[in-house]
Each structure stands twice: as C-alpha cells, then as structure tokens.
C-alpha cells in the first residue's frame, strides 16, 4: 500500500454517475478528511476552537462554491 493512500484513503463512488457528481464526491471526501485533521488538532490542544471553526467554515465555503460551479442539485 502506498503511504499517501494510507493518509488520504478515498472511498469508491456509488451514486448516479456523472462527471460533476464524481468531481463533487472527490471534493466532499477531501473536505471530510481535512475536517477530520482539524478536529484532531483542536482535540489535541494544537489549535484553538475558534481557529478550528474558522478553518472548517472556510473549507465549507470552498465546498459550497464547488457545488455551485458543478451544478449539483440545481434545477434547470
């Protein structure tokens, strides 16, 4: 097993396949991984609760923008 796969293991996509859905799923998994790291740092006392919140909020905004750009769940 590759060491980078160990740190950033991604699950397979099982939803309705479209390129946009697949790209958003990858973005969502990356978001979840980064949030997990931030939570671990905050829990371990390496990051304040406010700093953790601000970083997670910034990541959420990026995820929301990617959702809009990819046209996920938008009525046509």
PDB file of N, CA and C in Angstrom:
ATOM      1  N   UNK A   1       0.845  -1.177   0.000  1.00  0.00           N
ATOM      2  CA  UNK A   1       0.000   0.000   0.000  1.00  0.00           C
ATOM      3  C   UNK A   1       0.891   1.242   0.000  1.00  0.00           C
ATOM      4  N   UNK A   2       0.552   2.179  -0.816  1.00  0.00           N
ATOM      5  CA  UNK A   2       1.266   3.451  -0.911  1.00  0.00           C
ATOM      6  C   UNK A   2       1.002   4.284   0.342  1.00  0.00           C
ATOM      7  N   UNK A   3       2.044   4.960   0.859  1.00  0.00           N
ATOM      8  CA  UNK A   3       1.884   5.751   2.079  1.00  0.00           C
ATOM      9  C   UNK A   3       0.886   6.886   1.894  1.00  0.00           C
ATOM     10  N   UNK A   4       0.839   7.511   0.724  1.00  0.00           N
ATOM     11  CA  UNK A   4      -0.124   8.589   0.506  1.00  0.00           C
ATOM     12  C   UNK A   4      -1.555   8.059   0.504  1.00  0.00           C
ATOM     13  N   UNK A   5      -1.764   6.823   0.085  1.00  0.00           N
ATOM     14  CA  UNK A   5      -3.097   6.223   0.139  1.00  0.00           C
ATOM     15  C   UNK A   5      -3.534   5.977   1.570  1.00  0.00           C
ATOM     16  N   UNK A   6      -2.577   5.728   2.452  1.00  0.00           N
ATOM     17  CA  UNK A   6      -2.896   5.488   3.846  1.00  0.00           C
ATOM     18  C   UNK A   6      -3.421   6.755   4.507  1.00  0.00           C
ATOM     19  N   UNK A   7      -2.812   7.903   4.202  1.00  0.00           N
ATOM     20  CA  UNK A   7      -3.222   9.161   4.804  1.00  0.00           C
ATOM     21  C   UNK A   7      -4.476   9.743   4.170  1.00  0.00           C
ATOM     22  N   UNK A   8      -4.696   9.492   2.918  1.00  0.00           N
ATOM     23  CA  UNK A   8      -5.833  10.073   2.199  1.00  0.00           C
ATOM     24  C   UNK A   8      -6.595   8.984   1.465  1.00  0.00           C
ATOM     25  N   UNK A   9      -7.133   8.058   2.206  1.00  0.00           N
ATOM     26  CA  UNK A   9      -7.881   6.962   1.589  1.00  0.00           C
ATOM     27  C   UNK A   9      -9.238   7.471   1.119  1.00  0.00           C
ATOM     28  N   UNK A  10      -9.537   7.279  -0.137  1.00  0.00           N
ATOM     29  CA  UNK A  10     -10.811   7.692  -0.686  1.00  0.00           C
ATOM     30  C   UNK A  10     -11.680   6.470  -0.938  1.00  0.00           C
ATOM     31  N   UNK A  11     -12.958   6.617  -0.657  1.00  0.00           N
ATOM     32  CA  UNK A  11     -13.905   5.537  -0.890  1.00  0.00           C
ATOM     33  C   UNK A  11     -14.398   5.603  -2.335  1.00  0.00           C
ATOM     34  N   UNK A  12     -14.854   4.492  -2.827  1.00  0.00           N
ATOM     35  CA  UNK A  12     -15.422   4.464  -4.172  1.00  0.00           C
ATOM     36  C   UNK A  12     -16.734   5.227  -4.208  1.00  0.00           C
ATOM     37  N   UNK A  13     -17.063   5.738  -5.388  1.00  0.00           N
ATOM     38  CA  UNK A  13     -18.312   6.467  -5.570  1.00  0.00           C
ATOM     39  C   UNK A  13     -19.401   5.483  -5.983  1.00  0.00           C
ATOM     40  N   UNK A  14     -20.543   5.527  -5.292  1.00  0.00           N
ATOM     41  CA  UNK A  14     -21.633   4.589  -5.564  1.00  0.00           C
ATOM     42  C   UNK A  14     -22.910   5.275  -6.020  1.00  0.00           C
ATOM     43  N   UNK A  15     -22.883   6.576  -6.237  1.00  0.00           N
ATOM     44  CA  UNK A  15     -24.082   7.301  -6.631  1.00  0.00           C
ATOM     45  C   UNK A  15     -24.301   7.264  -8.136  1.00  0.00           C
ATOM     46  N   UNK A  16     -25.256   8.088  -8.585  1.00  0.00           N
ATOM     47  CA  UNK A  16     -25.532   8.215 -10.018  1.00  0.00           C
ATOM     48  C   UNK A  16     -24.313   8.838 -10.682  1.00  0.00           C
ATOM     49  N   UNK A  17     -23.772   8.148 -11.689  1.00  0.00           N
ATOM     50  CA  UNK A  17     -22.532   8.624 -12.285  1.00  0.00           C
ATOM     51  C   UNK A  17     -22.776   9.749 -13.280  1.00  0.00           C
ATOM     52  N   UNK A  18     -22.160  10.864 -12.994  1.00  0.00           N
ATOM     53  CA  UNK A  18     -21.961  11.949 -13.947  1.00  0.00           C
ATOM     54  C   UNK A  18     -20.583  12.521 -13.590  1.00  0.00           C
ATOM     55  N   UNK A  19     -19.910  13.131 -14.530  1.00  0.00           N
ATOM     56  CA  UNK A  19     -18.613  13.721 -14.193  1.00  0.00           C
ATOM     57  C   UNK A  19     -18.709  14.736 -13.047  1.00  0.00           C
ATOM     58  N   UNK A  20     -19.789  15.520 -13.020  1.00  0.00           N
ATOM     59  CA  UNK A  20     -19.964  16.513 -11.955  1.00  0.00           C
ATOM     60  C   UNK A  20     -20.155  15.843 -10.599  1.00  0.00           C
ATOM     61  N   UNK A  21     -20.972  14.788 -10.556  1.00  0.00           N
ATOM     62  CA  UNK A  21     -21.188  14.076  -9.294  1.00  0.00           C
ATOM     63  C   UNK A  21     -19.894  13.440  -8.790  1.00  0.00           C
ATOM     64  N   UNK A  22     -19.124  12.873  -9.687  1.00  0.00           N
ATOM     65  CA  UNK A  22     -17.857  12.242  -9.314  1.00  0.00           C
ATOM     66  C   UNK A  22     -16.871  13.288  -8.786  1.00  0.00           C
ATOM     67  N   UNK A  23     -16.795  14.428  -9.452  1.00  0.00           N
ATOM     68  CA  UNK A  23     -15.898  15.501  -9.004  1.00  0.00           C
ATOM     69  C   UNK A  23     -16.345  16.039  -7.646  1.00  0.00           C
ATOM     70  N   UNK A  24     -17.643  16.230  -7.463  1.00  0.00           N
ATOM     71  CA  UNK A  24     -18.123  16.733  -6.181  1.00  0.00           C
ATOM     72  C   UNK A  24     -17.880  15.730  -5.068  1.00  0.00           C
ATOM     73  N   UNK A  25     -18.046  14.446  -5.366  1.00  0.00           N
ATOM     74  CA  UNK A  25     -17.780  13.418  -4.374  1.00  0.00           C
ATOM     75  C   UNK A  25     -16.324  13.459  -3.931  1.00  0.00           C
ATOM     76  N   UNK A  26     -15.406  13.651  -4.861  1.00  0.00           N
ATOM     77  CA  UNK A  26     -13.985  13.762  -4.509  1.00  0.00           C
ATOM     78  C   UNK A  26     -13.753  14.991  -3.642  1.00  0.00           C
ATOM     79  N   UNK A  27     -14.402  16.104  -3.983  1.00  0.00           N
ATOM     80  CA  UNK A  27     -14.284  17.326  -3.179  1.00  0.00           C
ATOM     81  C   UNK A  27     -14.855  17.112  -1.776  1.00  0.00           C
ATOM     82  N   UNK A  28     -15.960  16.406  -1.694  1.00  0.00           N
ATOM     83  CA  UNK A  28     -16.596  16.147  -0.405  1.00  0.00           C
ATOM     84  C   UNK A  28     -15.720  15.257   0.472  1.00  0.00           C
ATOM     85  N   UNK A  29     -15.105  14.250  -0.122  1.00  0.00           N
ATOM     86  CA  UNK A  29     -14.220  13.375   0.646  1.00  0.00           C
ATOM     87  C   UNK A  29     -12.979  14.135   1.117  1.00  0.00           C
ATOM     88  N   UNK A  30     -12.457  15.012   0.277  1.00  0.00           N
ATOM     89  CA  UNK A  30     -11.313  15.829   0.683  1.00  0.00           C
ATOM     90  C   UNK A  30     -11.708  16.763   1.835  1.00  0.00           C
ATOM     91  N   UNK A  31     -12.893  17.344   1.752  1.00  0.00           N
ATOM     92  CA  UNK A  31     -13.408  18.199   2.827  1.00  0.00           C
ATOM     93  C   UNK A  31     -13.482  17.414   4.133  1.00  0.00           C
ATOM     94  N   UNK A  32     -14.056  16.221   4.077  1.00  0.00           N
ATOM     95  CA  UNK A  32     -14.202  15.404   5.281  1.00  0.00           C
ATOM     96  C   UNK A  32     -12.840  15.050   5.880  1.00  0.00           C
ATOM     97  N   UNK A  33     -11.871  14.744   5.041  1.00  0.00           N
ATOM     98  CA  UNK A  33     -10.532  14.403   5.509  1.00  0.00           C
ATOM     99  C   UNK A  33      -9.887  15.595   6.208  1.00  0.00           C
ATOM    100  N   UNK A  34      -9.997  16.773   5.603  1.00  0.00           N
ATOM    101  CA  UNK A  34      -9.403  17.977   6.194  1.00  0.00           C
ATOM    102  C   UNK A  34     -10.096  18.349   7.504  1.00  0.00           C
ATOM    103  N   UNK A  35     -11.419  18.213   7.551  1.00  0.00           N
ATOM    104  CA  UNK A  35     -12.151  18.494   8.788  1.00  0.00           C
ATOM    105  C   UNK A  35     -11.693  17.530   9.882  1.00  0.00           C
ATOM    106  N   UNK A  36     -11.486  16.290   9.531  1.00  0.00           N
ATOM    107  CA  UNK A  36     -11.019  15.305  10.499  1.00  0.00           C
ATOM    108  C   UNK A  36      -9.668  15.705  11.081  1.00  0.00           C
ATOM    109  N   UNK A  37      -8.757  16.177  10.233  1.00  0.00           N
ATOM    110  CA  UNK A  37      -7.445  16.626  10.704  1.00  0.00           C
ATOM    111  C   UNK A  37      -7.576  17.841  11.630  1.00  0.00           C
ATOM    112  N   UNK A  38      -8.423  18.780  11.242  1.00  0.00           N
ATOM    113  CA  UNK A  38      -8.619  19.990  12.051  1.00  0.00           C
ATOM    114  C   UNK A  38      -9.201  19.628  13.417  1.00  0.00           C
ATOM    115  N   UNK A  39     -10.173  18.743  13.437  1.00  0.00           N
ATOM    116  CA  UNK A  39     -10.785  18.311  14.694  1.00  0.00           C
ATOM    117  C   UNK A  39      -9.748  17.626  15.579  1.00  0.00           C
ATOM    118  N   UNK A  40      -8.902  16.799  14.985  1.00  0.00           N
ATOM    119  CA  UNK A  40      -7.857  16.123  15.758  1.00  0.00           C
ATOM    120  C   UNK A  40      -6.882  17.136  16.356  1.00  0.00           C
ATOM    121  N   UNK A  41      -6.520  18.151  15.591  1.00  0.00           N
ATOM    122  CA  UNK A  41      -5.620  19.189  16.110  1.00  0.00           C
ATOM    123  C   UNK A  41      -6.269  19.967  17.253  1.00  0.00           C
ATOM    124  N   UNK A  42      -7.548  20.271  17.108  1.00  0.00           N
ATOM    125  CA  UNK A  42      -8.252  21.010  18.153  1.00  0.00           C
ATOM    126  C   UNK A  42      -8.409  20.144  19.401  1.00  0.00           C
ATOM    127  N   UNK A  43      -8.747  18.897  19.230  1.00  0.00           N
ATOM    128  CA  UNK A  43      -8.903  17.985  20.351  1.00  0.00           C
ATOM    129  C   UNK A  43      -7.581  17.787  21.085  1.00  0.00           C
ATOM    130  N   UNK A  44      -6.493  17.755  20.332  1.00  0.00           N
ATOM    131  CA  UNK A  44      -5.170  17.576  20.919  1.00  0.00           C
ATOM    132  C   UNK A  44      -4.577  18.843  21.500  1.00  0.00           C
ATOM    133  N   UNK A  45      -5.294  19.943  21.418  1.00  0.00           N
ATOM    134  CA  UNK A  45      -4.821  21.185  22.003  1.00  0.00           C
ATOM    135  C   UNK A  45      -3.841  21.957  21.135  1.00  0.00           C
ATOM    136  N   UNK A  46      -3.670  21.561  19.897  1.00  0.00           N
ATOM    137  CA  UNK A  46      -2.745  22.240  18.992  1.00  0.00           C
ATOM    138  C   UNK A  46      -3.395  23.394  18.239  1.00  0.00           C
ATOM    139  N   UNK A  47      -4.711  23.495  18.341  1.00  0.00           N
ATOM    140  CA  UNK A  47      -5.475  24.504  17.608  1.00  0.00           C
ATOM    141  C   UNK A  47      -6.627  24.943  18.511  1.00  0.00           C
ATOM    142  N   UNK A  48      -6.885  26.248  18.558  1.00  0.00           N
ATOM    143  CA  UNK A  48      -7.997  26.730  19.383  1.00  0.00           C
ATOM    144  C   UNK A  48      -9.328  26.376  18.722  1.00  0.00           C
ATOM    145  N   UNK A  49     -10.371  26.361  19.519  1.00  0.00           N
ATOM    146  CA  UNK A  49     -11.707  26.058  18.998  1.00  0.00           C
ATOM    147  C   UNK A  49     -12.118  27.087  17.942  1.00  0.00           C
ATOM    148  N   UNK A  50     -11.801  28.358  18.185  1.00  0.00           N
ATOM    149  CA  UNK A  50     -12.154  29.404  17.228  1.00  0.00           C
ATOM    150  C   UNK A  50     -11.396  29.226  15.918  1.00  0.00           C
ATOM    151  N   UNK A  51     -10.110  28.934  16.003  1.00  0.00           N
ATOM    152  CA  UNK A  51      -9.316  28.723  14.786  1.00  0.00           C
ATOM    153  C   UNK A  51      -9.829  27.515  14.010  1.00  0.00           C
ATOM    154  N   UNK A  52     -10.185  26.459  14.734  1.00  0.00           N
ATOM    155  CA  UNK A  52     -10.728  25.267  14.078  1.00  0.00           C
ATOM    156  C   UNK A  52     -12.039  25.596  13.372  1.00  0.00           C
ATOM    157  N   UNK A  53     -12.901  26.330  14.056  1.00  0.00           N
ATOM    158  CA  UNK A  53     -14.185  26.723  13.461  1.00  0.00           C
ATOM    159  C   UNK A  53     -13.962  27.543  12.199  1.00  0.00           C
ATOM    160  N   UNK A  54     -13.060  28.520  12.267  1.00  0.00           N
ATOM    161  CA  UNK A  54     -12.804  29.386  11.116  1.00  0.00           C
ATOM    162  C   UNK A  54     -12.242  28.598   9.936  1.00  0.00           C
ATOM    163  N   UNK A  55     -11.351  27.656  10.218  1.00  0.00           N
ATOM    164  CA  UNK A  55     -10.789  26.843   9.131  1.00  0.00           C
ATOM    165  C   UNK A  55     -11.854  25.943   8.506  1.00  0.00           C
ATOM    166  N   UNK A  56     -12.691  25.351   9.329  1.00  0.00           N
ATOM    167  CA  UNK A  56     -13.754  24.485   8.810  1.00  0.00           C
ATOM    168  C   UNK A  56     -14.764  25.306   8.013  1.00  0.00           C
ATOM    169  N   UNK A  57     -15.089  26.491   8.494  1.00  0.00           N
ATOM    170  CA  UNK A  57     -16.020  27.364   7.766  1.00  0.00           C
ATOM    171  C   UNK A  57     -15.436  27.747   6.401  1.00  0.00           C
ATOM    172  N   UNK A  58     -14.143  28.029   6.342  1.00  0.00           N
ATOM    173  CA  UNK A  58     -13.502  28.361   5.067  1.00  0.00           C
ATOM    174  C   UNK A  58     -13.549  27.168   4.119  1.00  0.00           C
ATOM    175  N   UNK A  59     -13.310  25.977   4.643  1.00  0.00           N
ATOM    176  CA  UNK A  59     -13.394  24.769   3.813  1.00  0.00           C
ATOM    177  C   UNK A  59     -14.819  24.539   3.321  1.00  0.00           C
ATOM    178  N   UNK A  60     -15.810  24.830   4.186  1.00  0.00           N
ATOM    179  CA  UNK A  60     -17.210  24.663   3.795  1.00  0.00           C
ATOM    180  C   UNK A  60     -17.578  25.611   2.660  1.00  0.00           C
ATOM    181  N   UNK A  61     -17.069  26.824   2.725  1.00  0.00           N
ATOM    182  CA  UNK A  61     -17.337  27.788   1.662  1.00  0.00           C
ATOM    183  C   UNK A  61     -16.751  27.320   0.334  1.00  0.00           C
ATOM    184  N   UNK A  62     -15.549  26.765   0.369  1.00  0.00           N
ATOM    185  CA  UNK A  62     -14.928  26.236  -0.853  1.00  0.00           C
ATOM    186  C   UNK A  62     -15.763  25.085  -1.403  1.00  0.00           C
ATOM    187  N   UNK A  63     -16.224  24.194  -0.526  1.00  0.00           N
ATOM    188  CA  UNK A  63     -17.058  23.072  -0.955  1.00  0.00           C
ATOM    189  C   UNK A  63     -18.366  23.573  -1.562  1.00  0.00           C
ATOM    190  N   UNK A  64     -18.968  24.577  -0.942  1.00  0.00           N
ATOM    191  CA  UNK A  64     -20.222  25.139  -1.450  1.00  0.00           C
ATOM    192  C   UNK A  64     -20.014  25.752  -2.837  1.00  0.00           C
ATOM    193  N   UNK A  65     -18.907  26.459  -3.027  1.00  0.00           N
ATOM    194  CA  UNK A  65     -18.609  27.041  -4.346  1.00  0.00           C
ATOM    195  C   UNK A  65     -18.430  25.958  -5.391  1.00  0.00           C
ATOM    196  N   UNK A  66     -17.760  24.872  -5.022  1.00  0.00           N
ATOM    197  CA  UNK A  66     -17.562  23.793  -5.998  1.00  0.00           C
ATOM    198  C   UNK A  66     -18.896  23.162  -6.368  1.00  0.00           C
ATOM    199  N   UNK A  67     -19.801  23.055  -5.390  1.00  0.00           N
ATOM    200  CA  UNK A  67     -21.138  22.513  -5.673  1.00  0.00           C
ATOM    201  C   UNK A  67     -21.881  23.385  -6.674  1.00  0.00           C
ATOM    202  N   UNK A  68     -21.801  24.700  -6.467  1.00  0.00           N
ATOM    203  CA  UNK A  68     -22.468  25.610  -7.392  1.00  0.00           C
ATOM    204  C   UNK A  68     -21.833  25.574  -8.779  1.00  0.00           C
ATOM    205  N   UNK A  69     -20.498  25.554  -8.830  1.00  0.00           N
ATOM    206  CA  UNK A  69     -19.799  25.517 -10.109  1.00  0.00           C
ATOM    207  C   UNK A  69     -20.084  24.250 -10.895  1.00  0.00           C
ATOM    208  N   UNK A  70     -20.243  23.137 -10.170  1.00  0.00           N
ATOM    209  CA  UNK A  70     -20.509  21.869 -10.843  1.00  0.00           C
ATOM    210  C   UNK A  70     -21.986  21.691 -11.176  1.00  0.00           C
ATOM    211  N   UNK A  71     -22.841  22.554 -10.649  1.00  0.00           N
ATOM    212  CA  UNK A  71     -24.274  22.472 -10.944  1.00  0.00           C
ATOM    213  C   UNK A  71     -24.968  21.307 -10.250  1.00  0.00           C
ATOM    214  N   UNK A  72     -24.502  20.953  -9.065  1.00  0.00           N
ATOM    215  CA  UNK A  72     -25.102  19.839  -8.322  1.00  0.00           C
ATOM    216  C   UNK A  72     -26.412  20.309  -7.695  1.00  0.00           C
ATOM    217  N   UNK A  73     -27.479  19.523  -7.887  1.00  0.00           N
ATOM    218  CA  UNK A  73     -28.807  19.792  -7.312  1.00  0.00           C
ATOM    219  C   UNK A  73     -29.380  21.148  -7.710  1.00  0.00           C
ATOM    220  N   UNK A  74     -29.108  21.577  -8.901  1.00  0.00           N
ATOM    221  CA  UNK A  74     -29.719  22.810  -9.401  1.00  0.00           C
ATOM    222  C   UNK A  74     -30.776  22.447 -10.428  1.00  0.00           C
ATOM    223  N   UNK A  75     -31.948  23.041 -10.291  1.00  0.00           N
ATOM    224  CA  UNK A  75     -32.995  22.773 -11.276  1.00  0.00           C
ATOM    225  C   UNK A  75     -32.681  23.538 -12.555  1.00  0.00           C
ATOM    226  N   UNK A  76     -32.923  22.904 -13.673  1.00  0.00           N
ATOM    227  CA  UNK A  76     -32.609  23.526 -14.978  1.00  0.00           C
ATOM    228  C   UNK A  76     -33.787  24.235 -15.547  1.00  0.00           C
TER     229      UNK A  76
END
